[in-house]
Amino acid sequence: MAALPLPKYGLDKLYLFPYYQTRAQYTQATGEEPPPFDEQRPPQYWCDPEALKSTKRSVIYENILAVNEKGVPLQDENGRPYFEPVVMLKLEAGTVNIPMQMAANEPGTEKPAAQIPLRELDPDEELFFDFGGIVLVRNKTLIESNAPVGFTPQDRELLKAVARKLNVPV
């Protein structure tokens, strides 16, 4: 997949599988109840439906955001976030593990969530840390070409005209 026509965007644009933030969202999307939350496993808000069909016991995902044991993204020698391969049991990869979220301190939820597999980066894309340590994807072509980002002078004039019509001081 080619880089998106945006200067930067979130990792969610690279997800290989749907991400379910709640048990209700999973049920709505799949028509099935999620399995009970297993507090021995880390929370997992995605599943690979093909993993359960595999004849092997494990599945390898090449592009997982590298994080430490607390879920904080790691840096390479250039200070950038990076991908690493991860091996998962097919049963774990093929099933979500979404907490009930009925209490703030539900057992098992203190663990960082299992990272979702991501598609390979396009040659025009790179990972970087944005403000606050958030990992984003940068479209190198747009950044290097100094393409206009944000509002153009024409956009600003239009916004000022709208503000004047609404009696908003500009």
N, C-alpha and C. Protein backbone atom coordinates (compact mmCIF):
# COMPACT_ATOMS: atom_id res chain seq x y z
N MET A 1 0.84 -1.18 0.00
CA MET A 1 0.00 0.00 0.00
C MET A 1 0.88 1.24 0.00
N ALA A 2 0.52 2.20 -0.78
CA ALA A 2 1.31 3.43 -0.89
C ALA A 2 1.09 4.31 0.34
N ALA A 3 2.02 5.21 0.54
CA ALA A 3 1.90 6.17 1.63
C ALA A 3 0.63 6.99 1.44
N LEU A 4 0.01 7.34 2.54
CA LEU A 4 -1.20 8.16 2.48
C LEU A 4 -0.83 9.59 2.09
N PRO A 5 -1.74 10.32 1.47
CA PRO A 5 -1.44 11.69 1.04
C PRO A 5 -1.54 12.70 2.18
N LEU A 6 -0.98 12.35 3.32
CA LEU A 6 -0.96 13.21 4.49
C LEU A 6 0.48 13.34 4.96
N PRO A 7 0.85 14.48 5.56
CA PRO A 7 2.23 14.60 6.03
C PRO A 7 2.55 13.65 7.18
N LYS A 8 1.57 13.42 8.06
CA LYS A 8 1.76 12.45 9.14
C LYS A 8 0.40 11.88 9.53
N TYR A 9 0.43 10.64 10.04
CA TYR A 9 -0.81 9.96 10.42
C TYR A 9 -0.50 8.89 11.45
N GLY A 10 -1.55 8.43 12.10
CA GLY A 10 -1.41 7.47 13.18
C GLY A 10 -1.15 6.05 12.71
N LEU A 11 -0.68 5.25 13.65
CA LEU A 11 -0.41 3.84 13.35
C LEU A 11 -1.68 3.08 12.98
N ASP A 12 -2.84 3.60 13.38
CA ASP A 12 -4.09 2.91 13.06
C ASP A 12 -4.29 2.76 11.56
N LYS A 13 -3.64 3.59 10.78
CA LYS A 13 -3.74 3.48 9.31
C LYS A 13 -2.93 2.29 8.79
N LEU A 14 -2.11 1.68 9.66
CA LEU A 14 -1.28 0.54 9.26
C LEU A 14 -1.83 -0.79 9.77
N TYR A 15 -2.88 -0.77 10.57
CA TYR A 15 -3.40 -2.00 11.18
C TYR A 15 -3.75 -3.04 10.12
N LEU A 16 -3.35 -4.28 10.38
CA LEU A 16 -3.72 -5.38 9.49
C LEU A 16 -5.09 -5.95 9.82
N PHE A 17 -5.55 -5.72 11.05
CA PHE A 17 -6.81 -6.31 11.51
C PHE A 17 -7.65 -5.24 12.20
N PRO A 18 -8.97 -5.45 12.27
CA PRO A 18 -9.81 -4.49 13.01
C PRO A 18 -9.41 -4.42 14.48
N TYR A 19 -9.58 -3.25 15.06
CA TYR A 19 -9.25 -3.00 16.46
C TYR A 19 -10.56 -2.71 17.19
N TYR A 20 -10.84 -3.48 18.23
CA TYR A 20 -12.09 -3.35 18.99
C TYR A 20 -11.78 -2.78 20.36
N GLN A 21 -12.24 -1.57 20.63
CA GLN A 21 -11.92 -0.92 21.90
C GLN A 21 -12.73 -1.48 23.07
N THR A 22 -13.90 -2.01 22.78
CA THR A 22 -14.75 -2.55 23.85
C THR A 22 -15.32 -3.90 23.44
N ARG A 23 -15.83 -4.61 24.41
CA ARG A 23 -16.48 -5.89 24.14
C ARG A 23 -17.73 -5.67 23.30
N ALA A 24 -18.45 -4.59 23.57
CA ALA A 24 -19.66 -4.28 22.80
C ALA A 24 -19.32 -4.00 21.34
N GLN A 25 -18.23 -3.31 21.11
CA GLN A 25 -17.81 -3.01 19.74
C GLN A 25 -17.45 -4.30 19.00
N TYR A 26 -16.81 -5.22 19.69
CA TYR A 26 -16.48 -6.52 19.08
C TYR A 26 -17.76 -7.27 18.71
N THR A 27 -18.71 -7.30 19.64
CA THR A 27 -19.97 -8.00 19.40
C THR A 27 -20.72 -7.38 18.23
N GLN A 28 -20.75 -6.06 18.19
CA GLN A 28 -21.45 -5.37 17.11
C GLN A 28 -20.80 -5.67 15.75
N ALA A 29 -19.48 -5.70 15.71
CA ALA A 29 -18.77 -5.90 14.44
C ALA A 29 -18.80 -7.35 13.97
N THR A 30 -18.75 -8.29 14.90
CA THR A 30 -18.63 -9.70 14.50
C THR A 30 -19.92 -10.50 14.67
N GLY A 31 -20.83 -9.99 15.48
CA GLY A 31 -22.05 -10.74 15.77
C GLY A 31 -21.85 -11.85 16.78
N GLU A 32 -20.67 -11.91 17.38
CA GLU A 32 -20.35 -12.93 18.37
C GLU A 32 -19.93 -12.28 19.68
N GLU A 33 -20.17 -12.99 20.77
CA GLU A 33 -19.68 -12.53 22.07
C GLU A 33 -18.18 -12.79 22.15
N PRO A 34 -17.42 -11.84 22.68
CA PRO A 34 -15.99 -12.12 22.85
C PRO A 34 -15.78 -13.15 23.95
N PRO A 35 -14.69 -13.89 23.89
CA PRO A 35 -14.42 -14.85 24.97
C PRO A 35 -14.22 -14.12 26.30
N PRO A 36 -14.41 -14.81 27.41
CA PRO A 36 -14.19 -14.17 28.71
C PRO A 36 -12.76 -13.64 28.82
N PHE A 37 -12.60 -12.54 29.53
CA PHE A 37 -11.28 -11.95 29.70
C PHE A 37 -10.39 -12.88 30.51
N ASP A 38 -9.21 -13.17 29.99
CA ASP A 38 -8.22 -14.01 30.66
C ASP A 38 -7.17 -13.10 31.28
N GLU A 39 -7.22 -12.95 32.59
CA GLU A 39 -6.30 -12.02 33.25
C GLU A 39 -4.85 -12.49 33.24
N GLN A 40 -4.60 -13.73 32.83
CA GLN A 40 -3.23 -14.22 32.72
C GLN A 40 -2.55 -13.72 31.43
N ARG A 41 -3.37 -13.36 30.45
CA ARG A 41 -2.86 -12.83 29.18
C ARG A 41 -2.95 -11.31 29.19
N PRO A 42 -2.13 -10.65 28.39
CA PRO A 42 -2.31 -9.20 28.27
C PRO A 42 -3.60 -8.90 27.50
N PRO A 43 -4.19 -7.75 27.74
CA PRO A 43 -5.37 -7.39 26.93
C PRO A 43 -5.00 -7.40 25.45
N GLN A 44 -5.93 -7.83 24.63
CA GLN A 44 -5.70 -7.87 23.18
C GLN A 44 -7.00 -7.44 22.51
N TYR A 45 -6.94 -6.33 21.79
CA TYR A 45 -8.13 -5.72 21.21
C TYR A 45 -8.27 -6.03 19.72
N TRP A 46 -7.57 -6.99 19.23
CA TRP A 46 -7.60 -7.38 17.82
C TRP A 46 -7.49 -8.90 17.76
N CYS A 47 -7.83 -9.46 16.62
CA CYS A 47 -7.60 -10.89 16.40
C CYS A 47 -7.37 -11.13 14.91
N ASP A 48 -6.62 -12.16 14.64
CA ASP A 48 -6.31 -12.57 13.27
C ASP A 48 -7.17 -13.80 12.97
N PRO A 49 -8.25 -13.64 12.22
CA PRO A 49 -9.13 -14.77 11.96
C PRO A 49 -8.45 -15.92 11.22
N GLU A 50 -7.41 -15.63 10.47
CA GLU A 50 -6.71 -16.68 9.72
C GLU A 50 -5.78 -17.50 10.62
N ALA A 51 -5.41 -16.97 11.78
CA ALA A 51 -4.48 -17.67 12.66
C ALA A 51 -5.04 -19.01 13.13
N LEU A 52 -6.33 -19.03 13.44
CA LEU A 52 -6.93 -20.27 13.93
C LEU A 52 -7.00 -21.35 12.85
N LYS A 53 -6.91 -20.96 11.59
CA LYS A 53 -6.95 -21.92 10.49
C LYS A 53 -5.58 -22.52 10.19
N SER A 54 -4.55 -21.94 10.79
CA SER A 54 -3.18 -22.39 10.53
C SER A 54 -2.97 -23.82 11.04
N THR A 55 -2.15 -24.57 10.33
CA THR A 55 -1.80 -25.92 10.77
C THR A 55 -0.64 -25.89 11.76
N LYS A 56 -0.02 -24.74 11.90
CA LYS A 56 1.11 -24.60 12.84
C LYS A 56 0.60 -24.09 14.18
N ARG A 57 1.39 -24.29 15.22
CA ARG A 57 0.99 -23.86 16.56
C ARG A 57 1.20 -22.37 16.78
N SER A 58 2.12 -21.78 16.01
CA SER A 58 2.46 -20.38 16.21
C SER A 58 2.33 -19.60 14.91
N VAL A 59 2.18 -18.29 15.07
CA VAL A 59 2.09 -17.38 13.94
C VAL A 59 3.16 -16.31 14.14
N ILE A 60 3.83 -15.94 13.05
CA ILE A 60 4.87 -14.91 13.12
C ILE A 60 4.33 -13.64 12.46
N TYR A 61 4.45 -12.54 13.18
CA TYR A 61 4.09 -11.23 12.64
C TYR A 61 5.37 -10.41 12.54
N GLU A 62 5.68 -9.97 11.34
CA GLU A 62 6.95 -9.29 11.09
C GLU A 62 6.97 -7.84 11.58
N ASN A 63 5.83 -7.18 11.56
CA ASN A 63 5.80 -5.74 11.86
C ASN A 63 4.93 -5.43 13.06
N ILE A 64 5.56 -5.49 14.22
CA ILE A 64 4.91 -5.12 15.47
C ILE A 64 5.75 -3.98 16.06
N LEU A 65 5.09 -2.94 16.54
CA LEU A 65 5.83 -1.85 17.15
C LEU A 65 6.60 -2.38 18.36
N ALA A 66 7.90 -2.14 18.38
CA ALA A 66 8.74 -2.62 19.48
C ALA A 66 8.45 -1.78 20.73
N VAL A 67 8.07 -2.46 21.81
CA VAL A 67 7.79 -1.78 23.08
C VAL A 67 8.49 -2.53 24.21
N ASN A 68 8.70 -1.83 25.33
CA ASN A 68 9.29 -2.49 26.49
C ASN A 68 8.20 -3.17 27.31
N GLU A 69 8.57 -3.72 28.46
CA GLU A 69 7.61 -4.48 29.27
C GLU A 69 6.49 -3.62 29.84
N LYS A 70 6.64 -2.30 29.78
CA LYS A 70 5.58 -1.40 30.24
C LYS A 70 4.73 -0.85 29.09
N GLY A 71 5.06 -1.27 27.86
CA GLY A 71 4.30 -0.82 26.70
C GLY A 71 4.80 0.47 26.09
N VAL A 72 5.98 0.94 26.53
CA VAL A 72 6.55 2.19 26.00
C VAL A 72 7.34 1.86 24.74
N PRO A 73 7.10 2.59 23.64
CA PRO A 73 7.83 2.30 22.40
C PRO A 73 9.34 2.46 22.57
N LEU A 74 10.08 1.54 21.96
CA LEU A 74 11.54 1.56 22.01
C LEU A 74 12.09 2.39 20.86
N GLN A 75 13.36 2.82 21.01
CA GLN A 75 14.03 3.62 19.98
C GLN A 75 15.19 2.83 19.39
N ASP A 76 15.43 3.04 18.09
CA ASP A 76 16.61 2.45 17.47
C ASP A 76 17.80 3.37 17.70
N GLU A 77 18.93 3.07 17.07
CA GLU A 77 20.14 3.86 17.27
C GLU A 77 20.01 5.30 16.76
N ASN A 78 18.99 5.56 15.92
CA ASN A 78 18.75 6.92 15.42
C ASN A 78 17.67 7.65 16.21
N GLY A 79 17.18 7.03 17.27
CA GLY A 79 16.15 7.66 18.09
C GLY A 79 14.75 7.52 17.53
N ARG A 80 14.56 6.63 16.58
CA ARG A 80 13.24 6.42 15.97
C ARG A 80 12.61 5.14 16.48
N PRO A 81 11.28 5.11 16.52
CA PRO A 81 10.61 3.84 16.86
C PRO A 81 10.84 2.84 15.73
N TYR A 82 10.66 1.58 16.03
CA TYR A 82 10.91 0.56 15.00
C TYR A 82 9.99 -0.64 15.20
N PHE A 83 9.94 -1.47 14.16
CA PHE A 83 9.18 -2.71 14.20
C PHE A 83 10.10 -3.85 14.60
N GLU A 84 9.49 -4.89 15.16
CA GLU A 84 10.21 -6.12 15.43
C GLU A 84 9.26 -7.28 15.18
N PRO A 85 9.80 -8.45 14.82
CA PRO A 85 8.92 -9.61 14.64
C PRO A 85 8.50 -10.18 15.99
N VAL A 86 7.30 -10.74 16.02
CA VAL A 86 6.78 -11.36 17.24
C VAL A 86 6.15 -12.69 16.86
N VAL A 87 6.37 -13.69 17.70
CA VAL A 87 5.77 -15.01 17.52
C VAL A 87 4.67 -15.15 18.56
N MET A 88 3.48 -15.54 18.11
CA MET A 88 2.35 -15.74 19.02
C MET A 88 1.76 -17.13 18.79
N LEU A 89 1.24 -17.72 19.84
CA LEU A 89 0.49 -18.96 19.67
C LEU A 89 -0.74 -18.64 18.83
N LYS A 90 -1.12 -19.56 17.96
CA LYS A 90 -2.23 -19.27 17.06
C LYS A 90 -3.53 -19.03 17.82
N LEU A 91 -3.71 -19.70 18.95
CA LEU A 91 -4.92 -19.49 19.74
C LEU A 91 -4.98 -18.07 20.30
N GLU A 92 -3.84 -17.55 20.73
CA GLU A 92 -3.80 -16.18 21.23
C GLU A 92 -3.98 -15.18 20.10
N ALA A 93 -3.32 -15.41 18.98
CA ALA A 93 -3.43 -14.49 17.85
C ALA A 93 -4.84 -14.47 17.27
N GLY A 94 -5.53 -15.58 17.37
CA GLY A 94 -6.85 -15.70 16.76
C GLY A 94 -8.02 -15.31 17.65
N THR A 95 -7.74 -14.90 18.90
CA THR A 95 -8.83 -14.52 19.79
C THR A 95 -8.52 -13.20 20.49
N VAL A 96 -9.55 -12.40 20.64
CA VAL A 96 -9.40 -11.16 21.39
C VAL A 96 -9.34 -11.49 22.88
N ASN A 97 -8.84 -10.55 23.66
CA ASN A 97 -8.84 -10.67 25.12
C ASN A 97 -9.19 -9.29 25.67
N ILE A 98 -10.46 -8.96 25.56
CA ILE A 98 -10.92 -7.62 25.91
C ILE A 98 -11.46 -7.63 27.34
N PRO A 99 -10.92 -6.75 28.20
CA PRO A 99 -11.40 -6.70 29.59
C PRO A 99 -12.88 -6.30 29.66
N MET A 100 -13.49 -6.66 30.79
CA MET A 100 -14.89 -6.31 31.02
C MET A 100 -15.03 -4.79 31.18
N GLN A 101 -14.02 -4.15 31.73
CA GLN A 101 -13.98 -2.70 31.97
C GLN A 101 -15.13 -2.24 32.86
N MET A 102 -15.37 -3.04 33.90
CA MET A 102 -16.40 -2.67 34.86
C MET A 102 -15.80 -1.94 36.06
N ALA A 103 -14.49 -2.03 36.21
CA ALA A 103 -13.81 -1.36 37.30
C ALA A 103 -12.47 -0.85 36.80
N ALA A 104 -11.99 0.21 37.40
CA ALA A 104 -10.73 0.81 36.96
C ALA A 104 -9.54 -0.09 37.23
N ASN A 105 -9.62 -0.90 38.26
CA ASN A 105 -8.49 -1.75 38.61
C ASN A 105 -8.79 -3.23 38.39
N GLU A 106 -9.39 -3.54 37.29
CA GLU A 106 -9.71 -4.92 36.95
C GLU A 106 -8.42 -5.74 36.84
N PRO A 107 -8.35 -6.90 37.50
CA PRO A 107 -7.13 -7.71 37.43
C PRO A 107 -6.77 -8.05 35.98
N GLY A 108 -5.49 -7.92 35.67
CA GLY A 108 -5.00 -8.24 34.33
C GLY A 108 -4.90 -7.03 33.42
N THR A 109 -5.58 -5.95 33.76
CA THR A 109 -5.56 -4.78 32.87
C THR A 109 -4.35 -3.89 33.09
N GLU A 110 -3.55 -4.19 34.11
CA GLU A 110 -2.35 -3.38 34.35
C GLU A 110 -1.25 -3.72 33.34
N LYS A 111 -1.40 -4.83 32.64
CA LYS A 111 -0.41 -5.22 31.64
C LYS A 111 -0.62 -4.40 30.37
N PRO A 112 0.46 -4.07 29.66
CA PRO A 112 0.27 -3.38 28.38
C PRO A 112 -0.43 -4.30 27.38
N ALA A 113 -1.24 -3.71 26.54
CA ALA A 113 -1.99 -4.49 25.55
C ALA A 113 -1.06 -5.10 24.51
N ALA A 114 -1.47 -6.24 23.98
CA ALA A 114 -0.71 -6.88 22.90
C ALA A 114 -0.72 -5.96 21.69
N GLN A 115 0.44 -5.71 21.14
CA GLN A 115 0.56 -4.82 19.98
C GLN A 115 -0.07 -5.46 18.75
N ILE A 116 -0.76 -4.65 17.98
CA ILE A 116 -1.43 -5.14 16.78
C ILE A 116 -0.44 -5.22 15.62
N PRO A 117 -0.50 -6.27 14.82
CA PRO A 117 0.38 -6.35 13.65
C PRO A 117 0.07 -5.22 12.66
N LEU A 118 1.12 -4.71 12.05
CA LEU A 118 1.01 -3.59 11.13
C LEU A 118 1.51 -3.99 9.75
N ARG A 119 1.01 -3.29 8.74
CA ARG A 119 1.50 -3.54 7.39
C ARG A 119 2.92 -3.00 7.27
N GLU A 120 3.62 -3.48 6.28
CA GLU A 120 4.98 -3.00 6.04
C GLU A 120 4.94 -1.54 5.61
N LEU A 121 5.93 -0.78 6.02
CA LEU A 121 5.99 0.62 5.62
C LEU A 121 6.34 0.74 4.14
N ASP A 122 5.74 1.70 3.49
CA ASP A 122 6.06 2.04 2.12
C ASP A 122 7.44 2.72 2.14
N PRO A 123 8.20 2.68 1.04
CA PRO A 123 9.50 3.37 1.04
C PRO A 123 9.39 4.87 1.34
N ASP A 124 8.22 5.46 1.11
CA ASP A 124 8.03 6.88 1.39
C ASP A 124 7.54 7.15 2.81
N GLU A 125 7.46 6.11 3.63
CA GLU A 125 6.99 6.27 5.01
C GLU A 125 8.10 5.97 6.00
N GLU A 126 8.01 6.63 7.16
CA GLU A 126 8.92 6.31 8.26
C GLU A 126 8.20 6.57 9.58
N LEU A 127 8.60 5.83 10.59
CA LEU A 127 8.05 6.04 11.92
C LEU A 127 8.83 7.16 12.60
N PHE A 128 8.14 7.92 13.45
CA PHE A 128 8.83 8.95 14.23
C PHE A 128 8.04 9.22 15.50
N PHE A 129 8.72 9.83 16.47
CA PHE A 129 8.07 10.23 17.71
C PHE A 129 7.58 11.66 17.54
N ASP A 130 6.30 11.86 17.77
CA ASP A 130 5.72 13.20 17.73
C ASP A 130 5.66 13.73 19.16
N PHE A 131 5.06 14.88 19.32
CA PHE A 131 4.93 15.51 20.63
C PHE A 131 4.35 14.53 21.65
N GLY A 132 4.95 14.47 22.81
CA GLY A 132 4.47 13.59 23.86
C GLY A 132 4.90 12.14 23.71
N GLY A 133 5.79 11.87 22.76
CA GLY A 133 6.28 10.51 22.58
C GLY A 133 5.33 9.61 21.82
N ILE A 134 4.33 10.20 21.17
CA ILE A 134 3.38 9.42 20.38
C ILE A 134 4.06 8.97 19.09
N VAL A 135 3.90 7.71 18.74
CA VAL A 135 4.49 7.19 17.50
C VAL A 135 3.53 7.46 16.35
N LEU A 136 4.04 8.12 15.32
CA LEU A 136 3.25 8.41 14.12
C LEU A 136 4.04 7.96 12.90
N VAL A 137 3.37 8.02 11.76
CA VAL A 137 3.99 7.71 10.47
C VAL A 137 4.14 9.01 9.71
N ARG A 138 5.32 9.22 9.14
CA ARG A 138 5.59 10.43 8.36
C ARG A 138 5.69 10.06 6.89
N ASN A 139 5.01 10.84 6.05
CA ASN A 139 5.13 10.68 4.60
C ASN A 139 6.33 11.52 4.18
N LYS A 140 7.45 10.87 3.92
CA LYS A 140 8.70 11.58 3.62
C LYS A 140 8.59 12.42 2.36
N THR A 141 7.84 11.97 1.38
CA THR A 141 7.72 12.71 0.13
C THR A 141 7.06 14.07 0.37
N LEU A 142 5.99 14.09 1.14
CA LEU A 142 5.30 15.35 1.41
C LEU A 142 6.13 16.27 2.30
N ILE A 143 6.79 15.70 3.28
CA ILE A 143 7.60 16.51 4.19
C ILE A 143 8.79 17.11 3.44
N GLU A 144 9.47 16.31 2.62
CA GLU A 144 10.66 16.78 1.91
C GLU A 144 10.31 17.77 0.81
N SER A 145 9.13 17.64 0.22
CA SER A 145 8.76 18.56 -0.86
C SER A 145 8.22 19.87 -0.32
N ASN A 146 8.14 19.99 1.01
CA ASN A 146 7.60 21.19 1.64
C ASN A 146 6.20 21.52 1.12
N ALA A 147 5.42 20.49 0.90
CA ALA A 147 4.04 20.70 0.46
C ALA A 147 3.31 21.49 1.53
N PRO A 148 2.41 22.38 1.12
CA PRO A 148 1.70 23.17 2.12
C PRO A 148 0.91 22.27 3.06
N VAL A 149 1.09 22.52 4.33
CA VAL A 149 0.41 21.75 5.35
C VAL A 149 -0.43 22.73 6.16
N GLY A 150 -1.67 22.40 6.37
CA GLY A 150 -2.53 23.28 7.14
C GLY A 150 -3.29 24.23 6.23
N PHE A 151 -3.60 25.40 6.76
CA PHE A 151 -4.40 26.37 6.02
C PHE A 151 -3.55 27.20 5.07
N THR A 152 -4.05 27.41 3.87
CA THR A 152 -3.39 28.28 2.90
C THR A 152 -3.88 29.71 3.14
N PRO A 153 -3.24 30.71 2.54
CA PRO A 153 -3.73 32.09 2.70
C PRO A 153 -5.18 32.24 2.23
N GLN A 154 -5.56 31.51 1.18
CA GLN A 154 -6.95 31.58 0.71
C GLN A 154 -7.90 30.99 1.75
N ASP A 155 -7.48 29.92 2.40
CA ASP A 155 -8.31 29.33 3.45
C ASP A 155 -8.51 30.32 4.59
N ARG A 156 -7.44 31.01 4.95
CA ARG A 156 -7.54 31.98 6.05
C ARG A 156 -8.49 33.13 5.70
N GLU A 157 -8.42 33.60 4.47
CA GLU A 157 -9.32 34.68 4.04
C GLU A 157 -10.77 34.21 4.08
N LEU A 158 -11.02 33.00 3.64
CA LEU A 158 -12.37 32.46 3.67
C LEU A 158 -12.87 32.34 5.11
N LEU A 159 -12.02 31.86 6.00
CA LEU A 159 -12.41 31.74 7.41
C LEU A 159 -12.69 33.11 8.02
N LYS A 160 -11.89 34.10 7.67
CA LYS A 160 -12.13 35.46 8.18
C LYS A 160 -13.45 36.00 7.67
N ALA A 161 -13.76 35.74 6.40
CA ALA A 161 -15.03 36.21 5.83
C ALA A 161 -16.21 35.56 6.54
N VAL A 162 -16.11 34.28 6.83
CA VAL A 162 -17.18 33.59 7.55
C VAL A 162 -17.31 34.16 8.95
N ALA A 163 -16.18 34.42 9.60
CA ALA A 163 -16.21 34.98 10.95
C ALA A 163 -16.87 36.35 10.95
N ARG A 164 -16.56 37.18 9.96
CA ARG A 164 -17.18 38.51 9.88
C ARG A 164 -18.70 38.39 9.72
N LYS A 165 -19.15 37.46 8.89
CA LYS A 165 -20.60 37.26 8.69
C LYS A 165 -21.28 36.83 9.98
N LEU A 166 -20.54 36.12 10.82
CA LEU A 166 -21.10 35.65 12.09
C LEU A 166 -20.84 36.65 13.23
N ASN A 167 -20.33 37.83 12.87
CA ASN A 167 -20.03 38.88 13.85
C ASN A 167 -19.01 38.43 14.90
N VAL A 168 -18.06 37.64 14.45
CA VAL A 168 -16.97 37.21 15.33
C VAL A 168 -15.78 38.12 15.04
N PRO A 169 -15.23 38.77 16.07
CA PRO A 169 -14.09 39.67 15.81
C PRO A 169 -12.88 38.87 15.31
N VAL A 170 -12.23 39.41 14.26
CA VAL A 170 -11.03 38.77 13.71
C VAL A 170 -9.84 39.70 13.78
